[in-house]
């Protein structure tokens, strides 16, 4: 129970990595706000409650600041404080740069990068008042570490998340707020499972550790960064990719 009685908001928590993070935080004693643009959050809340922890579902479009403000308001109304924000919500539609439209670009940047800004701004007044907090941004090896074809917009957004993380960490340190980022490699989620077993096996074989990541691999890192065990870490990018980017 490393995080007993702390309050965490997790965006994009309806499935995949976000769901894994929400469950892991709840297991460590957090009261969790399960946020997503879909209604899948209700099932995640039920799962958390079945384990004896507290959670609420909040529908939120992170690209809209008024939605993120409402998410913060509902969190404070229910739990009275905000200790942890995990900016996980994101999309990654594949499209070549030649075919990419301005609309394609704007949609990805508005969710993946502007969404991080919106959620951070929404929780900051309370974190500053509390003189402490933890913000953990889910970036990606794409953009934050290496480039990827057919993902120019996604790579740009995740490179931006890293830059935002470093700048925010410097500005917010004076308020006792730490800001860090995690760059996952390939993680087995409903989205990646859609590519088929053969492709997943190829991904495993090309990985130095001969495996693909699981949501809990990222969730465990989030728990560490949200806990006092990482109290001397801020402004950092932690890569969790099984060694793919060091080959």
C-alpha atoms as a PDB file:
ATOM      1  CA  UNK A   1       0.000   0.000   0.000  1.00  0.00           C
ATOM      2  CA  UNK A   2       2.651   2.512  -1.111  1.00  0.00           C
ATOM      3  CA  UNK A   3       0.021   5.070  -2.101  1.00  0.00           C
ATOM      4  CA  UNK A   4      -2.602   4.648   0.616  1.00  0.00           C
ATOM      5  CA  UNK A   5      -5.292   7.347   0.612  1.00  0.00           C
ATOM      6  CA  UNK A   6      -3.734   9.289  -2.250  1.00  0.00           C
ATOM      7  CA  UNK A   7      -5.975  10.401  -5.109  1.00  0.00           C
ATOM      8  CA  UNK A   8      -5.042   9.680  -8.717  1.00  0.00           C
ATOM      9  CA  UNK A   9      -6.528  10.678 -12.062  1.00  0.00           C
ATOM     10  CA  UNK A  10      -5.733   8.380 -14.995  1.00  0.00           C
ATOM     11  CA  UNK A  11      -6.779   9.473 -18.489  1.00  0.00           C
ATOM     12  CA  UNK A  12      -7.427   6.991 -21.268  1.00  0.00           C
ATOM     13  CA  UNK A  13      -8.117   4.411 -18.566  1.00  0.00           C
ATOM     14  CA  UNK A  14     -10.911   2.507 -20.259  1.00  0.00           C
ATOM     15  CA  UNK A  15      -8.610  -0.177 -21.625  1.00  0.00           C
ATOM     16  CA  UNK A  16      -5.008  -1.146 -22.346  1.00  0.00           C
ATOM     17  CA  UNK A  17      -2.172   0.656 -20.594  1.00  0.00           C
ATOM     18  CA  UNK A  18      -4.478   3.156 -18.887  1.00  0.00           C
ATOM     19  CA  UNK A  19      -6.636   0.426 -17.398  1.00  0.00           C
ATOM     20  CA  UNK A  20      -3.536  -1.395 -16.165  1.00  0.00           C
ATOM     21  CA  UNK A  21      -2.303   1.802 -14.518  1.00  0.00           C
ATOM     22  CA  UNK A  22      -5.652   2.477 -12.819  1.00  0.00           C
ATOM     23  CA  UNK A  23      -5.779  -1.059 -11.410  1.00  0.00           C
ATOM     24  CA  UNK A  24      -2.184  -0.941 -10.179  1.00  0.00           C
ATOM     25  CA  UNK A  25      -2.675   2.410  -8.427  1.00  0.00           C
ATOM     26  CA  UNK A  26      -5.849   1.138  -6.758  1.00  0.00           C
ATOM     27  CA  UNK A  27      -4.005  -1.972  -5.572  1.00  0.00           C
ATOM     28  CA  UNK A  28      -1.462   0.295  -3.852  1.00  0.00           C
ATOM     29  CA  UNK A  29      -4.196   2.148  -1.951  1.00  0.00           C
ATOM     30  CA  UNK A  30      -5.081   4.991  -4.318  1.00  0.00           C
ATOM     31  CA  UNK A  31      -8.537   6.378  -4.781  1.00  0.00           C
ATOM     32  CA  UNK A  32      -8.753   6.446  -8.570  1.00  0.00           C
ATOM     33  CA  UNK A  33     -10.576   8.647 -11.040  1.00  0.00           C
ATOM     34  CA  UNK A  34     -10.932   6.477 -14.141  1.00  0.00           C
ATOM     35  CA  UNK A  35     -11.184   8.860 -17.078  1.00  0.00           C
ATOM     36  CA  UNK A  36     -11.822   8.145 -20.750  1.00  0.00           C
ATOM     37  CA  UNK A  37     -13.860   9.418 -23.662  1.00  0.00           C
ATOM     38  CA  UNK A  38     -15.717   6.071 -23.761  1.00  0.00           C
ATOM     39  CA  UNK A  39     -18.032   4.364 -21.270  1.00  0.00           C
ATOM     40  CA  UNK A  40     -15.577   1.494 -20.694  1.00  0.00           C
ATOM     41  CA  UNK A  41     -14.550   3.319 -17.512  1.00  0.00           C
ATOM     42  CA  UNK A  42     -17.594   1.927 -15.706  1.00  0.00           C
ATOM     43  CA  UNK A  43     -16.286  -1.639 -16.029  1.00  0.00           C
ATOM     44  CA  UNK A  44     -12.860  -0.578 -14.750  1.00  0.00           C
ATOM     45  CA  UNK A  45     -14.474   1.108 -11.736  1.00  0.00           C
ATOM     46  CA  UNK A  46     -16.435  -2.058 -10.959  1.00  0.00           C
ATOM     47  CA  UNK A  47     -13.226  -4.088 -11.126  1.00  0.00           C
ATOM     48  CA  UNK A  48     -11.462  -1.702  -8.744  1.00  0.00           C
ATOM     49  CA  UNK A  49     -14.402  -1.699  -6.333  1.00  0.00           C
ATOM     50  CA  UNK A  50     -14.534  -5.494  -6.373  1.00  0.00           C
ATOM     51  CA  UNK A  51     -11.004  -5.432  -4.938  1.00  0.00           C
ATOM     52  CA  UNK A  52     -12.103  -3.160  -2.109  1.00  0.00           C
ATOM     53  CA  UNK A  53     -10.764   0.145  -3.419  1.00  0.00           C
ATOM     54  CA  UNK A  54     -12.551   3.406  -4.255  1.00  0.00           C
ATOM     55  CA  UNK A  55     -12.978   4.739  -7.776  1.00  0.00           C
ATOM     56  CA  UNK A  56     -15.234   6.904  -9.902  1.00  0.00           C
ATOM     57  CA  UNK A  57     -15.695   7.089 -13.672  1.00  0.00           C
ATOM     58  CA  UNK A  58     -15.451  10.460 -15.410  1.00  0.00           C
ATOM     59  CA  UNK A  59     -16.073  10.876 -19.116  1.00  0.00           C
ATOM     60  CA  UNK A  60     -13.601  13.390 -20.533  1.00  0.00           C
ATOM     61  CA  UNK A  61     -12.335  14.588 -23.896  1.00  0.00           C
ATOM     62  CA  UNK A  62      -8.832  15.728 -22.969  1.00  0.00           C
ATOM     63  CA  UNK A  63      -8.616  17.944 -26.063  1.00  0.00           C
ATOM     64  CA  UNK A  64     -11.248  20.224 -24.484  1.00  0.00           C
ATOM     65  CA  UNK A  65     -10.065  22.270 -21.514  1.00  0.00           C
ATOM     66  CA  UNK A  66     -13.581  22.613 -20.116  1.00  0.00           C
ATOM     67  CA  UNK A  67     -13.801  18.811 -19.938  1.00  0.00           C
ATOM     68  CA  UNK A  68     -10.538  18.554 -18.021  1.00  0.00           C
ATOM     69  CA  UNK A  69     -11.626  21.321 -15.650  1.00  0.00           C
ATOM     70  CA  UNK A  70     -14.846  19.402 -14.979  1.00  0.00           C
ATOM     71  CA  UNK A  71     -12.822  16.224 -14.401  1.00  0.00           C
ATOM     72  CA  UNK A  72     -10.721  18.013 -11.776  1.00  0.00           C
ATOM     73  CA  UNK A  73     -13.854  19.493 -10.190  1.00  0.00           C
ATOM     74  CA  UNK A  74     -15.537  16.082  -9.888  1.00  0.00           C
ATOM     75  CA  UNK A  75     -12.353  14.632  -8.402  1.00  0.00           C
ATOM     76  CA  UNK A  76     -12.223  17.314  -5.718  1.00  0.00           C
ATOM     77  CA  UNK A  77     -15.946  17.038  -5.078  1.00  0.00           C
ATOM     78  CA  UNK A  78     -15.594  13.315  -4.417  1.00  0.00           C
ATOM     79  CA  UNK A  79     -12.155  12.976  -2.826  1.00  0.00           C
ATOM     80  CA  UNK A  80     -11.089  16.493  -1.781  1.00  0.00           C
ATOM     81  CA  UNK A  81      -7.564  16.399  -3.214  1.00  0.00           C
ATOM     82  CA  UNK A  82      -5.476  15.448  -6.279  1.00  0.00           C
ATOM     83  CA  UNK A  83      -2.108  13.824  -5.665  1.00  0.00           C
ATOM     84  CA  UNK A  84      -1.347  12.053  -8.935  1.00  0.00           C
ATOM     85  CA  UNK A  85      -2.142  12.760 -12.578  1.00  0.00           C
ATOM     86  CA  UNK A  86      -1.312  10.172 -15.227  1.00  0.00           C
ATOM     87  CA  UNK A  87      -1.610  11.656 -18.720  1.00  0.00           C
ATOM     88  CA  UNK A  88      -2.137   8.477 -20.714  1.00  0.00           C
ATOM     89  CA  UNK A  89      -4.900   9.324 -23.211  1.00  0.00           C
ATOM     90  CA  UNK A  90      -3.685   9.165 -26.790  1.00  0.00           C
ATOM     91  CA  UNK A  91      -4.345   7.956 -30.327  1.00  0.00           C
ATOM     92  CA  UNK A  92      -2.016   6.649 -33.030  1.00  0.00           C
ATOM     93  CA  UNK A  93      -3.697   6.418 -36.443  1.00  0.00           C
ATOM     94  CA  UNK A  94      -1.202   5.249 -39.057  1.00  0.00           C
ATOM     95  CA  UNK A  95      -0.932   7.455 -42.141  1.00  0.00           C
ATOM     96  CA  UNK A  96       1.922   8.400 -44.440  1.00  0.00           C
ATOM     97  CA  UNK A  97       3.151  11.974 -44.423  1.00  0.00           C
ATOM     98  CA  UNK A  98       2.215  12.316 -48.102  1.00  0.00           C
ATOM     99  CA  UNK A  99      -1.386  11.360 -47.367  1.00  0.00           C
ATOM    100  CA  UNK A 100      -1.688  13.127 -44.007  1.00  0.00           C
ATOM    101  CA  UNK A 101      -4.068  16.074 -43.903  1.00  0.00           C
ATOM    102  CA  UNK A 102      -4.105  19.100 -41.644  1.00  0.00           C
ATOM    103  CA  UNK A 103      -7.153  17.612 -39.961  1.00  0.00           C
ATOM    104  CA  UNK A 104      -5.278  14.344 -39.283  1.00  0.00           C
ATOM    105  CA  UNK A 105      -2.379  16.296 -37.778  1.00  0.00           C
ATOM    106  CA  UNK A 106      -4.575  18.540 -35.631  1.00  0.00           C
ATOM    107  CA  UNK A 107      -6.589  15.649 -34.199  1.00  0.00           C
ATOM    108  CA  UNK A 108      -3.530  13.732 -33.002  1.00  0.00           C
ATOM    109  CA  UNK A 109      -1.790  16.810 -31.588  1.00  0.00           C
ATOM    110  CA  UNK A 110      -4.943  18.044 -29.857  1.00  0.00           C
ATOM    111  CA  UNK A 111      -5.376  14.782 -27.955  1.00  0.00           C
ATOM    112  CA  UNK A 112      -1.802  13.595 -27.434  1.00  0.00           C
ATOM    113  CA  UNK A 113      -0.087  16.899 -26.677  1.00  0.00           C
ATOM    114  CA  UNK A 114      -2.697  19.563 -25.994  1.00  0.00           C
ATOM    115  CA  UNK A 115      -4.487  16.994 -23.824  1.00  0.00           C
ATOM    116  CA  UNK A 116      -1.427  16.740 -21.574  1.00  0.00           C
ATOM    117  CA  UNK A 117      -1.377  20.531 -21.226  1.00  0.00           C
ATOM    118  CA  UNK A 118      -5.127  20.717 -20.540  1.00  0.00           C
ATOM    119  CA  UNK A 119      -5.116  18.036 -17.836  1.00  0.00           C
ATOM    120  CA  UNK A 120      -2.005  19.444 -16.200  1.00  0.00           C
ATOM    121  CA  UNK A 121      -3.456  22.960 -16.112  1.00  0.00           C
ATOM    122  CA  UNK A 122      -6.702  21.612 -14.646  1.00  0.00           C
ATOM    123  CA  UNK A 123      -5.027  19.916 -11.660  1.00  0.00           C
ATOM    124  CA  UNK A 124      -2.269  22.449 -10.982  1.00  0.00           C
ATOM    125  CA  UNK A 125      -4.226  24.879  -8.766  1.00  0.00           C
ATOM    126  CA  UNK A 126      -4.958  22.113  -6.248  1.00  0.00           C
ATOM    127  CA  UNK A 127      -1.468  20.613  -6.413  1.00  0.00           C
ATOM    128  CA  UNK A 128       0.094  24.032  -5.837  1.00  0.00           C
ATOM    129  CA  UNK A 129      -2.268  24.625  -2.917  1.00  0.00           C
ATOM    130  CA  UNK A 130      -1.272  21.218  -1.469  1.00  0.00           C
ATOM    131  CA  UNK A 131       2.423  22.026  -2.047  1.00  0.00           C
ATOM    132  CA  UNK A 132       2.941  18.689  -3.732  1.00  0.00           C
ATOM    133  CA  UNK A 133       1.891  16.318  -6.456  1.00  0.00           C
ATOM    134  CA  UNK A 134       3.024  13.903  -9.119  1.00  0.00           C
ATOM    135  CA  UNK A 135       2.430  14.192 -12.855  1.00  0.00           C
ATOM    136  CA  UNK A 136       3.367  11.214 -15.009  1.00  0.00           C
ATOM    137  CA  UNK A 137       3.122  11.551 -18.776  1.00  0.00           C
ATOM    138  CA  UNK A 138       2.945   8.502 -21.022  1.00  0.00           C
ATOM    139  CA  UNK A 139       5.107   9.344 -24.021  1.00  0.00           C
ATOM    140  CA  UNK A 140       6.458   6.730 -26.444  1.00  0.00           C
ATOM    141  CA  UNK A 141       9.719   5.547 -27.937  1.00  0.00           C
ATOM    142  CA  UNK A 142       8.201   6.971 -31.148  1.00  0.00           C
ATOM    143  CA  UNK A 143       9.171  10.622 -31.224  1.00  0.00           C
ATOM    144  CA  UNK A 144      10.673  10.760 -27.740  1.00  0.00           C
ATOM    145  CA  UNK A 145      13.508   8.345 -28.621  1.00  0.00           C
ATOM    146  CA  UNK A 146      13.350   7.307 -32.278  1.00  0.00           C
ATOM    147  CA  UNK A 147      11.302   8.016 -35.408  1.00  0.00           C
ATOM    148  CA  UNK A 148       8.577   5.860 -36.947  1.00  0.00           C
ATOM    149  CA  UNK A 149       7.268   5.799 -40.494  1.00  0.00           C
ATOM    150  CA  UNK A 150       3.584   6.598 -41.004  1.00  0.00           C
ATOM    151  CA  UNK A 151       3.446   8.192 -37.556  1.00  0.00           C
ATOM    152  CA  UNK A 152       4.832  11.695 -38.117  1.00  0.00           C
ATOM    153  CA  UNK A 153       1.957  13.321 -36.214  1.00  0.00           C
ATOM    154  CA  UNK A 154       2.138  10.816 -33.346  1.00  0.00           C
ATOM    155  CA  UNK A 155       5.935  11.067 -33.148  1.00  0.00           C
ATOM    156  CA  UNK A 156       5.739  14.865 -33.092  1.00  0.00           C
ATOM    157  CA  UNK A 157       3.153  14.763 -30.311  1.00  0.00           C
ATOM    158  CA  UNK A 158       5.186  12.389 -28.145  1.00  0.00           C
ATOM    159  CA  UNK A 159       8.392  14.358 -28.715  1.00  0.00           C
ATOM    160  CA  UNK A 160       6.393  17.354 -27.536  1.00  0.00           C
ATOM    161  CA  UNK A 161       5.272  15.477 -24.431  1.00  0.00           C
ATOM    162  CA  UNK A 162       8.918  14.930 -23.505  1.00  0.00           C
ATOM    163  CA  UNK A 163       9.747  18.617 -23.976  1.00  0.00           C
ATOM    164  CA  UNK A 164       6.710  19.607 -21.915  1.00  0.00           C
ATOM    165  CA  UNK A 165       7.712  17.157 -19.180  1.00  0.00           C
ATOM    166  CA  UNK A 166      11.190  18.651 -18.811  1.00  0.00           C
ATOM    167  CA  UNK A 167      10.021  22.273 -18.853  1.00  0.00           C
ATOM    168  CA  UNK A 168       7.140  21.619 -16.450  1.00  0.00           C
ATOM    169  CA  UNK A 169       9.431  19.732 -14.056  1.00  0.00           C
ATOM    170  CA  UNK A 170      11.698  22.788 -13.793  1.00  0.00           C
ATOM    171  CA  UNK A 171       8.836  25.220 -13.257  1.00  0.00           C
ATOM    172  CA  UNK A 172       6.887  23.122 -10.770  1.00  0.00           C
ATOM    173  CA  UNK A 173       9.727  21.856  -8.585  1.00  0.00           C
ATOM    174  CA  UNK A 174       9.374  24.952  -6.390  1.00  0.00           C
ATOM    175  CA  UNK A 175       5.836  23.771  -5.536  1.00  0.00           C
ATOM    176  CA  UNK A 176       6.927  20.257  -4.606  1.00  0.00           C
ATOM    177  CA  UNK A 177       5.444  18.841  -7.817  1.00  0.00           C
ATOM    178  CA  UNK A 178       7.409  16.220  -9.730  1.00  0.00           C
ATOM    179  CA  UNK A 179       6.874  15.624 -13.459  1.00  0.00           C
ATOM    180  CA  UNK A 180       8.214  12.573 -15.296  1.00  0.00           C
ATOM    181  CA  UNK A 181       7.546  10.657 -18.502  1.00  0.00           C
ATOM    182  CA  UNK A 182       7.544   7.015 -19.544  1.00  0.00           C
ATOM    183  CA  UNK A 183       8.291   5.881 -23.097  1.00  0.00           C
ATOM    184  CA  UNK A 184       6.772   2.451 -23.722  1.00  0.00           C
ATOM    185  CA  UNK A 185       7.780   0.286 -26.622  1.00  0.00           C
ATOM    186  CA  UNK A 186       5.389  -2.330 -28.001  1.00  0.00           C
ATOM    187  CA  UNK A 187       2.783  -3.238 -25.369  1.00  0.00           C
ATOM    188  CA  UNK A 188       0.173  -5.984 -25.698  1.00  0.00           C
ATOM    189  CA  UNK A 189      -3.165  -4.148 -25.655  1.00  0.00           C
ATOM    190  CA  UNK A 190      -6.447  -4.633 -27.545  1.00  0.00           C
ATOM    191  CA  UNK A 191      -5.074  -2.308 -30.240  1.00  0.00           C
ATOM    192  CA  UNK A 192      -1.831  -4.213 -30.769  1.00  0.00           C
ATOM    193  CA  UNK A 193      -3.593  -7.587 -30.622  1.00  0.00           C
ATOM    194  CA  UNK A 194      -5.542  -6.487 -33.688  1.00  0.00           C
ATOM    195  CA  UNK A 195      -2.403  -6.845 -35.838  1.00  0.00           C
ATOM    196  CA  UNK A 196      -2.563 -10.628 -35.464  1.00  0.00           C
ATOM    197  CA  UNK A 197      -0.540 -13.360 -33.776  1.00  0.00           C
ATOM    198  CA  UNK A 198       2.072 -13.650 -36.538  1.00  0.00           C
ATOM    199  CA  UNK A 199       3.035  -9.980 -36.280  1.00  0.00           C
ATOM    200  CA  UNK A 200       3.140 -10.176 -32.474  1.00  0.00           C
ATOM    201  CA  UNK A 201       5.458 -13.194 -32.687  1.00  0.00           C
ATOM    202  CA  UNK A 202       7.741 -11.243 -35.043  1.00  0.00           C
ATOM    203  CA  UNK A 203       7.789  -8.366 -32.566  1.00  0.00           C
ATOM    204  CA  UNK A 204       8.750 -10.744 -29.773  1.00  0.00           C
ATOM    205  CA  UNK A 205      11.537 -12.353 -31.786  1.00  0.00           C
ATOM    206  CA  UNK A 206      13.034  -8.985 -32.752  1.00  0.00           C
ATOM    207  CA  UNK A 207      13.088  -7.838 -29.123  1.00  0.00           C
ATOM    208  CA  UNK A 208      16.342  -8.373 -27.172  1.00  0.00           C
ATOM    209  CA  UNK A 209      14.346  -9.842 -24.265  1.00  0.00           C
ATOM    210  CA  UNK A 210      12.274 -11.919 -26.734  1.00  0.00           C
ATOM    211  CA  UNK A 211       8.974 -10.646 -25.437  1.00  0.00           C
ATOM    212  CA  UNK A 212       6.371  -7.935 -25.856  1.00  0.00           C
ATOM    213  CA  UNK A 213       5.477  -5.669 -22.963  1.00  0.00           C
ATOM    214  CA  UNK A 214       2.315  -5.937 -20.893  1.00  0.00           C
ATOM    215  CA  UNK A 215       0.246  -3.052 -19.441  1.00  0.00           C
ATOM    216  CA  UNK A 216       1.484  -4.013 -15.957  1.00  0.00           C
ATOM    217  CA  UNK A 217       5.076  -3.316 -17.053  1.00  0.00           C
ATOM    218  CA  UNK A 218       4.139   0.344 -17.520  1.00  0.00           C
ATOM    219  CA  UNK A 219       1.780   0.360 -14.536  1.00  0.00           C
ATOM    220  CA  UNK A 220       4.555  -0.775 -12.193  1.00  0.00           C
ATOM    221  CA  UNK A 221       6.723   2.115 -13.381  1.00  0.00           C
ATOM    222  CA  UNK A 222       3.875   4.561 -12.758  1.00  0.00           C
ATOM    223  CA  UNK A 223       3.472   3.257  -9.198  1.00  0.00           C
ATOM    224  CA  UNK A 224       7.191   3.765  -8.607  1.00  0.00           C
ATOM    225  CA  UNK A 225       7.203   7.310 -10.021  1.00  0.00           C
ATOM    226  CA  UNK A 226       4.068   8.201  -8.047  1.00  0.00           C
ATOM    227  CA  UNK A 227       5.527   6.925  -4.780  1.00  0.00           C
ATOM    228  CA  UNK A 228       7.984   8.421  -2.321  1.00  0.00           C
ATOM    229  CA  UNK A 229      10.535   5.855  -3.500  1.00  0.00           C
ATOM    230  CA  UNK A 230      11.232   8.133  -6.477  1.00  0.00           C
ATOM    231  CA  UNK A 231      11.270  11.392  -4.506  1.00  0.00           C
ATOM    232  CA  UNK A 232      14.596  12.505  -6.062  1.00  0.00           C
ATOM    233  CA  UNK A 233      13.479  11.916  -9.672  1.00  0.00           C
ATOM    234  CA  UNK A 234      11.900  14.627 -11.808  1.00  0.00           C
ATOM    235  CA  UNK A 235      12.052  15.754 -15.422  1.00  0.00           C
ATOM    236  CA  UNK A 236      13.116  12.315 -16.612  1.00  0.00           C
ATOM    237  CA  UNK A 237      12.136   9.973 -19.435  1.00  0.00           C
ATOM    238  CA  UNK A 238      12.164   6.277 -18.517  1.00  0.00           C
ATOM    239  CA  UNK A 239      12.189   3.935 -21.510  1.00  0.00           C
ATOM    240  CA  UNK A 240      10.420   0.589 -21.135  1.00  0.00           C
ATOM    241  CA  UNK A 241      10.845  -1.269 -24.417  1.00  0.00           C
ATOM    242  CA  UNK A 242      12.720  -4.483 -23.689  1.00  0.00           C
ATOM    243  CA  UNK A 243      15.872  -2.995 -25.190  1.00  0.00           C
ATOM    244  CA  UNK A 244      14.504  -2.332 -28.674  1.00  0.00           C
ATOM    245  CA  UNK A 245      15.984   1.148 -28.971  1.00  0.00           C
ATOM    246  CA  UNK A 246      19.515   0.114 -27.949  1.00  0.00           C
ATOM    247  CA  UNK A 247      19.960  -2.442 -30.726  1.00  0.00           C
END
